[in-house]
Amino acid sequence: MSLPPEHRFFSNSEWVPIEELNVNDTLQLKDNSIVVIENKIIFPTFVEVYNLEIEDNENYYVTEEGVLVHNGYADTNELKKIEERGFKNVKATKNGGLDYAESDALYPIKEGQKNIILIEYSGVYNTDFENASLSALGQKSTPKGYVWHHLDDYDPKTNRGTLQLVKQESHSGISHIGGCSQYKQATGISYIFKTW
């Protein structure tokens, strides 16, 4: 199969960049079966590709074999994009997510407030944001110009994960894996935006 290097493959129960795949690693197919990599050759070929911005999970199946891949992950280009927007110390996680814990993009808290909080996942962005804001800030609304980021530490056993309150500009349009992707992987249910 021929694929661009941006794709991560679901191999051995984690997302792995193509260059880190090895002979005898496994890949998950569309029918949930597992295949073993028998050979690996990487060679540069330049073709025109199109990258689409999507709101939902960026997991999908490619090639005739239907191999599960993920297109959204935090690589050095994404981290550079965040730095170019004026934010420092955002880190990539081992799963391809973003961690803002040590960054200047975090919401500046006052006494008794938090900008990082553990919540129970609801499956609805707005509900998570309201619950996090109530618990962390004592208010129902998310502060203007900020967004709650689902860290990629979702635990399917407890249905809980970490949210970080960050500047919207440091988060919007940045490809990465987050807790919502992990939630969908574990439950088969996509996160939704509540509409009124």
N, C-alpha and C. Protein backbone atom coordinates (compact mmCIF):
# COMPACT_ATOMS: atom_id res chain seq x y z
N MET A 1 0.83 -1.17 0.00
CA MET A 1 0.00 0.00 0.00
C MET A 1 0.88 1.23 0.00
N SER A 2 0.42 2.31 -0.59
CA SER A 2 1.16 3.57 -0.65
C SER A 2 0.39 4.62 0.12
N LEU A 3 1.04 5.23 1.10
CA LEU A 3 0.39 6.22 1.95
C LEU A 3 1.36 7.33 2.30
N PRO A 4 0.85 8.55 2.58
CA PRO A 4 1.74 9.63 3.01
C PRO A 4 2.22 9.40 4.45
N PRO A 5 3.35 9.98 4.84
CA PRO A 5 3.93 9.73 6.16
C PRO A 5 3.13 10.32 7.31
N GLU A 6 2.16 11.18 7.04
CA GLU A 6 1.39 11.79 8.12
C GLU A 6 0.47 10.80 8.83
N HIS A 7 0.14 9.69 8.16
CA HIS A 7 -0.78 8.73 8.76
C HIS A 7 -0.13 7.96 9.89
N ARG A 8 -0.91 7.74 10.94
CA ARG A 8 -0.50 6.82 12.00
C ARG A 8 -1.38 5.59 11.86
N PHE A 9 -0.81 4.44 12.14
CA PHE A 9 -1.51 3.18 12.00
C PHE A 9 -1.86 2.63 13.38
N PHE A 10 -3.04 1.99 13.49
CA PHE A 10 -3.40 1.35 14.75
C PHE A 10 -2.72 0.00 14.76
N SER A 11 -1.62 -0.07 15.49
CA SER A 11 -0.78 -1.26 15.51
C SER A 11 -0.45 -1.63 16.95
N ASN A 12 -0.67 -2.89 17.28
CA ASN A 12 -0.36 -3.37 18.64
C ASN A 12 -1.02 -2.49 19.70
N SER A 13 -2.28 -2.11 19.46
CA SER A 13 -3.13 -1.35 20.39
C SER A 13 -2.72 0.09 20.63
N GLU A 14 -1.96 0.70 19.72
CA GLU A 14 -1.64 2.12 19.84
C GLU A 14 -1.41 2.71 18.46
N TRP A 15 -1.46 4.06 18.36
CA TRP A 15 -1.23 4.74 17.09
C TRP A 15 0.26 4.88 16.88
N VAL A 16 0.75 4.38 15.74
CA VAL A 16 2.18 4.33 15.46
C VAL A 16 2.46 5.04 14.13
N PRO A 17 3.44 5.98 14.10
CA PRO A 17 3.82 6.60 12.82
C PRO A 17 4.36 5.54 11.86
N ILE A 18 4.16 5.76 10.57
CA ILE A 18 4.54 4.77 9.57
C ILE A 18 6.01 4.38 9.66
N GLU A 19 6.88 5.37 9.96
CA GLU A 19 8.31 5.06 10.01
C GLU A 19 8.69 4.18 11.20
N GLU A 20 7.81 4.07 12.20
CA GLU A 20 8.09 3.23 13.37
C GLU A 20 7.50 1.82 13.26
N LEU A 21 6.74 1.56 12.20
CA LEU A 21 6.20 0.21 12.00
C LEU A 21 7.32 -0.73 11.59
N ASN A 22 7.25 -1.95 12.07
CA ASN A 22 8.27 -2.95 11.76
C ASN A 22 7.64 -4.24 11.27
N VAL A 23 8.45 -5.06 10.63
CA VAL A 23 8.01 -6.40 10.23
C VAL A 23 7.54 -7.13 11.49
N ASN A 24 6.44 -7.85 11.37
CA ASN A 24 5.77 -8.60 12.44
C ASN A 24 4.88 -7.75 13.34
N ASP A 25 4.83 -6.41 13.15
CA ASP A 25 3.82 -5.61 13.84
C ASP A 25 2.46 -5.93 13.24
N THR A 26 1.40 -5.63 13.97
CA THR A 26 0.05 -5.92 13.49
C THR A 26 -0.65 -4.64 13.03
N LEU A 27 -1.62 -4.80 12.13
CA LEU A 27 -2.48 -3.72 11.67
C LEU A 27 -3.92 -4.17 11.78
N GLN A 28 -4.81 -3.25 12.14
CA GLN A 28 -6.23 -3.58 12.25
C GLN A 28 -6.93 -3.23 10.94
N LEU A 29 -7.76 -4.15 10.44
CA LEU A 29 -8.50 -3.94 9.21
C LEU A 29 -9.95 -3.55 9.51
N LYS A 30 -10.65 -3.16 8.45
CA LYS A 30 -12.02 -2.68 8.56
C LYS A 30 -12.96 -3.71 9.20
N ASP A 31 -12.73 -4.98 8.93
CA ASP A 31 -13.59 -6.02 9.49
C ASP A 31 -13.14 -6.43 10.91
N ASN A 32 -12.26 -5.61 11.51
CA ASN A 32 -11.69 -5.85 12.85
C ASN A 32 -10.71 -7.01 12.90
N SER A 33 -10.39 -7.59 11.75
CA SER A 33 -9.36 -8.62 11.76
C SER A 33 -7.98 -7.96 11.86
N ILE A 34 -7.00 -8.76 12.20
CA ILE A 34 -5.64 -8.28 12.37
C ILE A 34 -4.74 -8.95 11.34
N VAL A 35 -3.87 -8.16 10.71
CA VAL A 35 -2.89 -8.71 9.78
C VAL A 35 -1.50 -8.37 10.31
N VAL A 36 -0.53 -9.18 9.90
CA VAL A 36 0.85 -8.99 10.32
C VAL A 36 1.65 -8.41 9.16
N ILE A 37 2.47 -7.41 9.43
CA ILE A 37 3.32 -6.82 8.40
C ILE A 37 4.42 -7.81 8.03
N GLU A 38 4.48 -8.15 6.75
CA GLU A 38 5.48 -9.11 6.29
C GLU A 38 6.72 -8.43 5.72
N ASN A 39 6.55 -7.20 5.21
CA ASN A 39 7.66 -6.51 4.57
C ASN A 39 7.43 -5.01 4.69
N LYS A 40 8.49 -4.24 4.73
CA LYS A 40 8.36 -2.79 4.82
C LYS A 40 9.43 -2.14 3.96
N ILE A 41 8.98 -1.30 3.03
CA ILE A 41 9.89 -0.53 2.19
C ILE A 41 9.37 0.90 2.16
N ILE A 42 10.21 1.85 2.51
CA ILE A 42 9.81 3.26 2.44
C ILE A 42 10.60 3.90 1.31
N PHE A 43 9.87 4.51 0.35
CA PHE A 43 10.54 5.20 -0.73
C PHE A 43 9.77 6.48 -1.02
N PRO A 44 10.51 7.58 -1.31
CA PRO A 44 9.84 8.86 -1.53
C PRO A 44 9.19 8.94 -2.91
N THR A 45 7.94 9.35 -2.91
CA THR A 45 7.20 9.60 -4.14
C THR A 45 6.38 10.86 -3.89
N PHE A 46 6.36 11.75 -4.84
CA PHE A 46 5.64 12.99 -4.66
C PHE A 46 4.37 12.98 -5.50
N VAL A 47 3.24 13.14 -4.84
CA VAL A 47 1.95 13.20 -5.51
C VAL A 47 1.14 14.31 -4.86
N GLU A 48 0.17 14.83 -5.60
CA GLU A 48 -0.70 15.86 -5.05
C GLU A 48 -1.74 15.20 -4.14
N VAL A 49 -1.86 15.72 -2.92
CA VAL A 49 -2.84 15.20 -1.97
C VAL A 49 -3.66 16.36 -1.43
N TYR A 50 -4.80 16.04 -0.85
CA TYR A 50 -5.69 17.04 -0.28
C TYR A 50 -5.93 16.71 1.18
N ASN A 51 -5.74 17.68 2.04
CA ASN A 51 -5.96 17.47 3.47
C ASN A 51 -7.20 18.25 3.87
N LEU A 52 -8.19 17.57 4.38
CA LEU A 52 -9.46 18.20 4.74
C LEU A 52 -9.53 18.44 6.24
N GLU A 53 -10.11 19.58 6.63
CA GLU A 53 -10.39 19.85 8.04
C GLU A 53 -11.75 19.22 8.35
N ILE A 54 -11.80 18.36 9.34
CA ILE A 54 -13.06 17.74 9.72
C ILE A 54 -13.29 17.95 11.20
N GLU A 55 -14.56 17.95 11.62
CA GLU A 55 -14.89 18.18 13.02
C GLU A 55 -14.85 16.90 13.83
N ASP A 56 -15.00 15.77 13.19
CA ASP A 56 -15.13 14.52 13.92
C ASP A 56 -13.79 13.80 13.99
N ASN A 57 -13.84 12.62 14.49
CA ASN A 57 -12.70 11.74 14.62
C ASN A 57 -11.99 11.59 13.27
N GLU A 58 -10.67 11.64 13.27
CA GLU A 58 -9.92 11.51 12.03
C GLU A 58 -9.40 10.10 11.81
N ASN A 59 -10.09 9.10 12.37
CA ASN A 59 -9.76 7.71 12.10
C ASN A 59 -10.53 7.26 10.87
N TYR A 60 -9.87 6.58 9.96
CA TYR A 60 -10.57 6.04 8.81
C TYR A 60 -9.76 4.89 8.21
N TYR A 61 -10.36 4.22 7.24
CA TYR A 61 -9.73 3.06 6.61
C TYR A 61 -9.22 3.45 5.23
N VAL A 62 -8.02 2.96 4.90
CA VAL A 62 -7.41 3.29 3.61
C VAL A 62 -7.05 2.01 2.86
N THR A 63 -6.84 2.15 1.58
CA THR A 63 -6.48 1.08 0.64
C THR A 63 -7.61 0.07 0.48
N GLU A 64 -7.47 -0.80 -0.49
CA GLU A 64 -8.47 -1.84 -0.72
C GLU A 64 -8.59 -2.79 0.46
N GLU A 65 -7.50 -2.94 1.21
CA GLU A 65 -7.50 -3.83 2.37
C GLU A 65 -8.27 -3.23 3.55
N GLY A 66 -8.45 -1.91 3.55
CA GLY A 66 -9.17 -1.26 4.64
C GLY A 66 -8.36 -1.21 5.93
N VAL A 67 -7.16 -0.64 5.89
CA VAL A 67 -6.29 -0.54 7.06
C VAL A 67 -6.67 0.70 7.86
N LEU A 68 -6.82 0.54 9.18
CA LEU A 68 -7.20 1.64 10.06
C LEU A 68 -6.03 2.59 10.26
N VAL A 69 -6.24 3.88 9.94
CA VAL A 69 -5.21 4.91 10.13
C VAL A 69 -5.83 6.12 10.81
N HIS A 70 -4.96 7.00 11.28
CA HIS A 70 -5.39 8.26 11.90
C HIS A 70 -4.61 9.38 11.25
N ASN A 71 -5.30 10.40 10.78
CA ASN A 71 -4.65 11.50 10.08
C ASN A 71 -4.33 12.66 11.01
N GLY A 72 -4.92 12.74 12.16
CA GLY A 72 -4.70 13.89 13.02
C GLY A 72 -3.82 13.57 14.19
N TYR A 73 -2.64 14.10 14.21
CA TYR A 73 -1.77 13.92 15.37
C TYR A 73 -0.84 15.11 15.45
N ALA A 74 -0.36 15.38 16.63
CA ALA A 74 0.51 16.52 16.83
C ALA A 74 1.94 16.17 16.43
N ASP A 75 2.38 16.70 15.32
CA ASP A 75 3.77 16.50 14.92
C ASP A 75 4.51 17.82 15.09
N THR A 76 5.76 17.86 14.68
CA THR A 76 6.55 19.07 14.87
C THR A 76 5.97 20.26 14.11
N ASN A 77 5.35 20.02 12.96
CA ASN A 77 4.73 21.12 12.21
C ASN A 77 3.56 21.72 12.98
N GLU A 78 2.77 20.88 13.64
CA GLU A 78 1.64 21.38 14.41
C GLU A 78 2.13 22.17 15.63
N LEU A 79 3.16 21.66 16.29
CA LEU A 79 3.73 22.38 17.43
C LEU A 79 4.34 23.71 16.99
N LYS A 80 4.95 23.71 15.82
CA LYS A 80 5.52 24.95 15.28
C LYS A 80 4.40 25.96 14.99
N LYS A 81 3.28 25.47 14.46
CA LYS A 81 2.13 26.33 14.18
C LYS A 81 1.64 27.00 15.47
N ILE A 82 1.61 26.24 16.57
CA ILE A 82 1.19 26.80 17.86
C ILE A 82 2.18 27.86 18.32
N GLU A 83 3.48 27.58 18.17
CA GLU A 83 4.51 28.56 18.56
C GLU A 83 4.41 29.83 17.71
N GLU A 84 4.13 29.67 16.42
CA GLU A 84 3.99 30.84 15.53
C GLU A 84 2.80 31.70 15.94
N ARG A 85 1.84 31.11 16.63
CA ARG A 85 0.69 31.86 17.13
C ARG A 85 1.01 32.53 18.47
N GLY A 86 2.24 32.33 18.96
CA GLY A 86 2.69 33.01 20.17
C GLY A 86 2.60 32.22 21.46
N PHE A 87 2.38 30.91 21.37
CA PHE A 87 2.25 30.09 22.58
C PHE A 87 3.45 29.16 22.73
N LYS A 88 3.94 29.05 23.95
CA LYS A 88 5.14 28.26 24.21
C LYS A 88 4.85 27.10 25.15
N ASN A 89 5.71 26.07 25.04
CA ASN A 89 5.71 24.91 25.94
C ASN A 89 4.51 23.99 25.82
N VAL A 90 3.83 23.98 24.67
CA VAL A 90 2.82 22.95 24.40
C VAL A 90 3.60 21.72 23.95
N LYS A 91 3.32 20.59 24.54
CA LYS A 91 4.07 19.36 24.25
C LYS A 91 3.20 18.36 23.50
N ALA A 92 3.84 17.54 22.66
CA ALA A 92 3.16 16.42 22.01
C ALA A 92 3.23 15.23 22.96
N THR A 93 2.12 14.50 23.07
CA THR A 93 2.10 13.30 23.90
C THR A 93 2.54 12.11 23.07
N LYS A 94 2.78 10.99 23.71
CA LYS A 94 3.23 9.79 22.99
C LYS A 94 2.18 9.27 22.02
N ASN A 95 0.90 9.58 22.26
CA ASN A 95 -0.18 9.13 21.38
C ASN A 95 -0.46 10.08 20.23
N GLY A 96 0.24 11.22 20.17
CA GLY A 96 -0.01 12.20 19.12
C GLY A 96 -0.98 13.28 19.54
N GLY A 97 -1.16 13.44 20.84
CA GLY A 97 -2.03 14.48 21.36
C GLY A 97 -1.24 15.71 21.75
N LEU A 98 -1.94 16.66 22.35
CA LEU A 98 -1.34 17.89 22.83
C LEU A 98 -1.50 17.98 24.34
N ASP A 99 -0.45 18.41 25.02
CA ASP A 99 -0.51 18.64 26.46
C ASP A 99 -0.12 20.09 26.73
N TYR A 100 -1.07 20.84 27.26
CA TYR A 100 -0.87 22.26 27.53
C TYR A 100 -0.47 22.54 28.98
N ALA A 101 -0.23 21.50 29.78
CA ALA A 101 -0.03 21.66 31.23
C ALA A 101 1.07 22.65 31.60
N GLU A 102 2.12 22.74 30.80
CA GLU A 102 3.23 23.64 31.12
C GLU A 102 3.28 24.85 30.20
N SER A 103 2.20 25.09 29.46
CA SER A 103 2.22 26.15 28.45
C SER A 103 1.62 27.46 28.96
N ASP A 104 1.93 28.51 28.22
CA ASP A 104 1.35 29.82 28.53
C ASP A 104 -0.02 29.99 27.87
N ALA A 105 -0.53 28.93 27.25
CA ALA A 105 -1.87 28.97 26.65
C ALA A 105 -2.96 28.64 27.68
N LEU A 106 -2.57 28.14 28.84
CA LEU A 106 -3.54 27.81 29.89
C LEU A 106 -4.23 29.06 30.41
N TYR A 107 -5.49 28.90 30.78
CA TYR A 107 -6.28 29.98 31.37
C TYR A 107 -5.64 30.43 32.69
N PRO A 108 -5.46 31.75 32.88
CA PRO A 108 -4.88 32.23 34.14
C PRO A 108 -5.91 32.14 35.27
N ILE A 109 -5.65 31.31 36.23
CA ILE A 109 -6.64 31.07 37.29
C ILE A 109 -6.46 32.00 38.48
N LYS A 110 -7.55 32.17 39.20
CA LYS A 110 -7.54 32.92 40.46
C LYS A 110 -7.60 31.91 41.59
N GLU A 111 -7.47 32.38 42.80
CA GLU A 111 -7.52 31.49 43.96
C GLU A 111 -8.83 30.69 43.97
N GLY A 112 -8.70 29.38 44.18
CA GLY A 112 -9.87 28.50 44.23
C GLY A 112 -10.31 27.97 42.87
N GLN A 113 -9.65 28.41 41.80
CA GLN A 113 -10.01 27.94 40.47
C GLN A 113 -8.97 26.93 39.96
N LYS A 114 -9.36 26.21 38.91
CA LYS A 114 -8.45 25.26 38.25
C LYS A 114 -8.55 25.45 36.75
N ASN A 115 -7.46 25.17 36.04
CA ASN A 115 -7.50 25.19 34.58
C ASN A 115 -7.23 23.80 33.99
N ILE A 116 -7.02 22.83 34.87
CA ILE A 116 -6.88 21.42 34.48
C ILE A 116 -7.75 20.61 35.43
N ILE A 117 -8.62 19.77 34.87
CA ILE A 117 -9.58 19.06 35.71
C ILE A 117 -9.90 17.69 35.13
N LEU A 118 -10.17 16.73 35.98
CA LEU A 118 -10.59 15.39 35.58
C LEU A 118 -12.12 15.36 35.57
N ILE A 119 -12.71 14.90 34.47
CA ILE A 119 -14.17 14.84 34.37
C ILE A 119 -14.63 13.46 33.92
N GLU A 120 -15.93 13.21 34.09
CA GLU A 120 -16.56 12.04 33.49
C GLU A 120 -17.05 12.46 32.11
N TYR A 121 -16.72 11.67 31.09
CA TYR A 121 -17.10 11.98 29.72
C TYR A 121 -18.60 11.81 29.55
N SER A 122 -19.22 12.74 28.81
CA SER A 122 -20.66 12.69 28.57
C SER A 122 -21.01 12.28 27.14
N GLY A 123 -20.07 12.44 26.20
CA GLY A 123 -20.36 12.20 24.79
C GLY A 123 -20.84 13.44 24.07
N VAL A 124 -20.96 14.56 24.80
CA VAL A 124 -21.43 15.83 24.23
C VAL A 124 -20.43 16.92 24.64
N TYR A 125 -19.84 17.60 23.66
CA TYR A 125 -18.85 18.63 23.96
C TYR A 125 -19.39 19.67 24.94
N ASN A 126 -20.56 20.24 24.64
CA ASN A 126 -21.10 21.31 25.46
C ASN A 126 -21.32 20.87 26.90
N THR A 127 -21.77 19.65 27.11
CA THR A 127 -21.99 19.14 28.46
C THR A 127 -20.67 19.02 29.20
N ASP A 128 -19.65 18.49 28.54
CA ASP A 128 -18.32 18.41 29.15
C ASP A 128 -17.81 19.79 29.53
N PHE A 129 -17.98 20.76 28.62
CA PHE A 129 -17.48 22.11 28.87
C PHE A 129 -18.21 22.74 30.06
N GLU A 130 -19.53 22.57 30.12
CA GLU A 130 -20.30 23.12 31.25
C GLU A 130 -19.89 22.47 32.56
N ASN A 131 -19.77 21.15 32.56
CA ASN A 131 -19.38 20.43 33.78
C ASN A 131 -17.99 20.84 34.25
N ALA A 132 -17.07 20.97 33.30
CA ALA A 132 -15.70 21.37 33.65
C ALA A 132 -15.67 22.79 34.19
N SER A 133 -16.40 23.70 33.54
CA SER A 133 -16.42 25.10 33.99
C SER A 133 -17.03 25.23 35.38
N LEU A 134 -18.12 24.49 35.63
CA LEU A 134 -18.74 24.53 36.96
C LEU A 134 -17.79 24.03 38.03
N SER A 135 -17.16 22.92 37.76
CA SER A 135 -16.28 22.31 38.75
C SER A 135 -14.98 23.10 38.94
N ALA A 136 -14.41 23.60 37.85
CA ALA A 136 -13.11 24.26 37.93
C ALA A 136 -13.19 25.75 38.24
N LEU A 137 -14.26 26.41 37.76
CA LEU A 137 -14.33 27.86 37.86
C LEU A 137 -15.53 28.37 38.65
N GLY A 138 -16.48 27.48 38.94
CA GLY A 138 -17.68 27.90 39.66
C GLY A 138 -18.65 28.66 38.78
N GLN A 139 -18.58 28.47 37.48
CA GLN A 139 -19.51 29.12 36.55
C GLN A 139 -19.85 28.13 35.45
N LYS A 140 -21.00 28.35 34.79
CA LYS A 140 -21.48 27.41 33.78
C LYS A 140 -20.80 27.61 32.43
N SER A 141 -20.44 28.85 32.13
CA SER A 141 -19.89 29.14 30.80
C SER A 141 -18.36 29.05 30.78
N THR A 142 -17.85 28.75 29.59
CA THR A 142 -16.41 28.74 29.37
C THR A 142 -15.99 30.19 29.11
N PRO A 143 -14.89 30.64 29.72
CA PRO A 143 -14.45 32.02 29.50
C PRO A 143 -14.24 32.33 28.02
N LYS A 144 -14.60 33.55 27.62
CA LYS A 144 -14.49 33.98 26.23
C LYS A 144 -13.05 33.86 25.75
N GLY A 145 -12.88 33.28 24.55
CA GLY A 145 -11.56 33.13 23.96
C GLY A 145 -10.83 31.87 24.41
N TYR A 146 -11.50 31.04 25.21
CA TYR A 146 -10.89 29.80 25.71
C TYR A 146 -11.74 28.60 25.33
N VAL A 147 -11.13 27.43 25.34
CA VAL A 147 -11.83 26.18 25.04
C VAL A 147 -11.27 25.09 25.95
N TRP A 148 -12.12 24.15 26.30
CA TRP A 148 -11.66 22.99 27.08
C TRP A 148 -11.11 21.96 26.11
N HIS A 149 -9.85 21.61 26.28
CA HIS A 149 -9.15 20.61 25.46
C HIS A 149 -9.22 19.26 26.16
N HIS A 150 -9.71 18.23 25.46
CA HIS A 150 -9.74 16.86 25.98
C HIS A 150 -8.35 16.24 25.79
N LEU A 151 -7.59 16.11 26.86
CA LEU A 151 -6.28 15.47 26.81
C LEU A 151 -6.46 14.02 26.39
N ASP A 152 -5.46 13.45 25.76
CA ASP A 152 -5.58 12.06 25.28
C ASP A 152 -5.24 11.05 26.38
N ASP A 153 -5.96 11.16 27.49
CA ASP A 153 -5.76 10.21 28.60
C ASP A 153 -7.08 9.55 29.02
N TYR A 154 -8.04 9.47 28.06
CA TYR A 154 -9.35 8.88 28.37
C TYR A 154 -9.19 7.45 28.88
N ASP A 155 -9.88 7.15 29.99
CA ASP A 155 -9.85 5.81 30.58
C ASP A 155 -11.22 5.17 30.37
N PRO A 156 -11.34 4.18 29.49
CA PRO A 156 -12.64 3.57 29.22
C PRO A 156 -13.21 2.82 30.42
N LYS A 157 -12.38 2.41 31.36
CA LYS A 157 -12.88 1.70 32.54
C LYS A 157 -13.64 2.63 33.47
N THR A 158 -13.16 3.87 33.60
CA THR A 158 -13.81 4.84 34.49
C THR A 158 -14.66 5.86 33.74
N ASN A 159 -14.51 5.91 32.41
CA ASN A 159 -15.16 6.91 31.56
C ASN A 159 -14.74 8.32 31.96
N ARG A 160 -13.48 8.48 32.34
CA ARG A 160 -12.97 9.77 32.79
C ARG A 160 -11.72 10.16 32.01
N GLY A 161 -11.47 11.45 31.98
CA GLY A 161 -10.27 11.98 31.34
C GLY A 161 -10.05 13.41 31.76
N THR A 162 -8.90 13.94 31.40
CA THR A 162 -8.48 15.29 31.79
C THR A 162 -8.90 16.31 30.74
N LEU A 163 -9.38 17.45 31.22
CA LEU A 163 -9.65 18.60 30.37
C LEU A 163 -8.72 19.73 30.80
N GLN A 164 -8.22 20.47 29.81
CA GLN A 164 -7.34 21.61 30.06
C GLN A 164 -7.98 22.84 29.41
N LEU A 165 -8.09 23.93 30.17
CA LEU A 165 -8.70 25.16 29.66
C LEU A 165 -7.62 26.00 29.00
N VAL A 166 -7.70 26.13 27.66
CA VAL A 166 -6.63 26.77 26.90
C VAL A 166 -7.17 27.84 25.96
N LYS A 167 -6.28 28.74 25.56
CA LYS A 167 -6.63 29.76 24.58
C LYS A 167 -7.12 29.08 23.31
N GLN A 168 -8.26 29.53 22.81
CA GLN A 168 -8.86 28.94 21.62
C GLN A 168 -7.89 28.98 20.44
N GLU A 169 -7.15 30.07 20.32
CA GLU A 169 -6.22 30.25 19.21
C GLU A 169 -5.09 29.21 19.23
N SER A 170 -4.77 28.68 20.40
CA SER A 170 -3.70 27.68 20.50
C SER A 170 -4.20 26.27 20.17
N HIS A 171 -5.49 26.12 19.97
CA HIS A 171 -6.11 24.80 19.82
C HIS A 171 -6.81 24.62 18.47
N SER A 172 -7.50 25.66 18.01
CA SER A 172 -8.30 25.55 16.79
C SER A 172 -7.42 25.32 15.57
N GLY A 173 -7.81 24.34 14.76
CA GLY A 173 -7.10 24.06 13.52
C GLY A 173 -5.78 23.33 13.70
N ILE A 174 -5.53 22.80 14.89
CA ILE A 174 -4.29 22.07 15.17
C ILE A 174 -4.62 20.58 15.18
N SER A 175 -4.06 19.82 14.25
CA SER A 175 -4.33 18.38 14.18
C SER A 175 -3.70 17.67 15.37
N HIS A 176 -4.50 16.85 16.02
CA HIS A 176 -4.00 16.08 17.16
C HIS A 176 -5.02 15.02 17.54
N ILE A 177 -4.55 14.04 18.26
CA ILE A 177 -5.43 13.04 18.86
C ILE A 177 -5.84 13.57 20.22
N GLY A 178 -7.09 13.40 20.57
CA GLY A 178 -7.54 13.84 21.88
C GLY A 178 -8.40 12.78 22.55
N GLY A 179 -8.87 13.10 23.72
CA GLY A 179 -9.70 12.16 24.47
C GLY A 179 -10.98 11.77 23.75
N CYS A 180 -11.53 12.68 22.93
CA CYS A 180 -12.77 12.36 22.21
C CYS A 180 -12.53 11.27 21.17
N SER A 181 -11.37 11.28 20.52
CA SER A 181 -11.01 10.21 19.59
C SER A 181 -10.89 8.88 20.33
N GLN A 182 -10.28 8.94 21.52
CA GLN A 182 -10.13 7.73 22.32
C GLN A 182 -11.49 7.22 22.80
N TYR A 183 -12.38 8.15 23.14
CA TYR A 183 -13.73 7.79 23.57
C TYR A 183 -14.45 7.04 22.44
N LYS A 184 -14.35 7.58 21.21
CA LYS A 184 -15.00 6.93 20.08
C LYS A 184 -14.39 5.56 19.82
N GLN A 185 -13.07 5.47 19.93
CA GLN A 185 -12.39 4.18 19.72
C GLN A 185 -12.89 3.15 20.72
N ALA A 186 -13.10 3.58 21.97
CA ALA A 186 -13.51 2.65 23.03
C ALA A 186 -15.00 2.31 23.00
N THR A 187 -15.83 3.30 22.62
CA THR A 187 -17.28 3.11 22.72
C THR A 187 -17.97 2.92 21.37
N GLY A 188 -17.32 3.37 20.29
CA GLY A 188 -17.95 3.34 18.98
C GLY A 188 -18.91 4.50 18.76
N ILE A 189 -18.96 5.45 19.71
CA ILE A 189 -19.88 6.59 19.64
C ILE A 189 -19.08 7.87 19.44
N SER A 190 -19.47 8.67 18.44
CA SER A 190 -18.80 9.95 18.18
C SER A 190 -19.30 11.02 19.13
N TYR A 191 -18.40 11.89 19.54
CA TYR A 191 -18.78 13.05 20.33
C TYR A 191 -19.64 13.97 19.47
N ILE A 192 -20.60 14.65 20.08
CA ILE A 192 -21.48 15.53 19.32
C ILE A 192 -21.48 16.94 19.91
N PHE A 193 -21.79 17.90 19.03
CA PHE A 193 -22.02 19.26 19.47
C PHE A 193 -23.51 19.39 19.72
N LYS A 194 -23.87 19.89 20.88
CA LYS A 194 -25.28 20.09 21.21
C LYS A 194 -25.77 21.32 20.45
N THR A 195 -26.89 21.19 19.77
CA THR A 195 -27.44 22.33 19.05
C THR A 195 -28.78 22.70 19.65
N TRP A 196 -29.08 23.97 19.62
CA TRP A 196 -30.35 24.44 20.17
C TRP A 196 -31.25 24.90 19.06
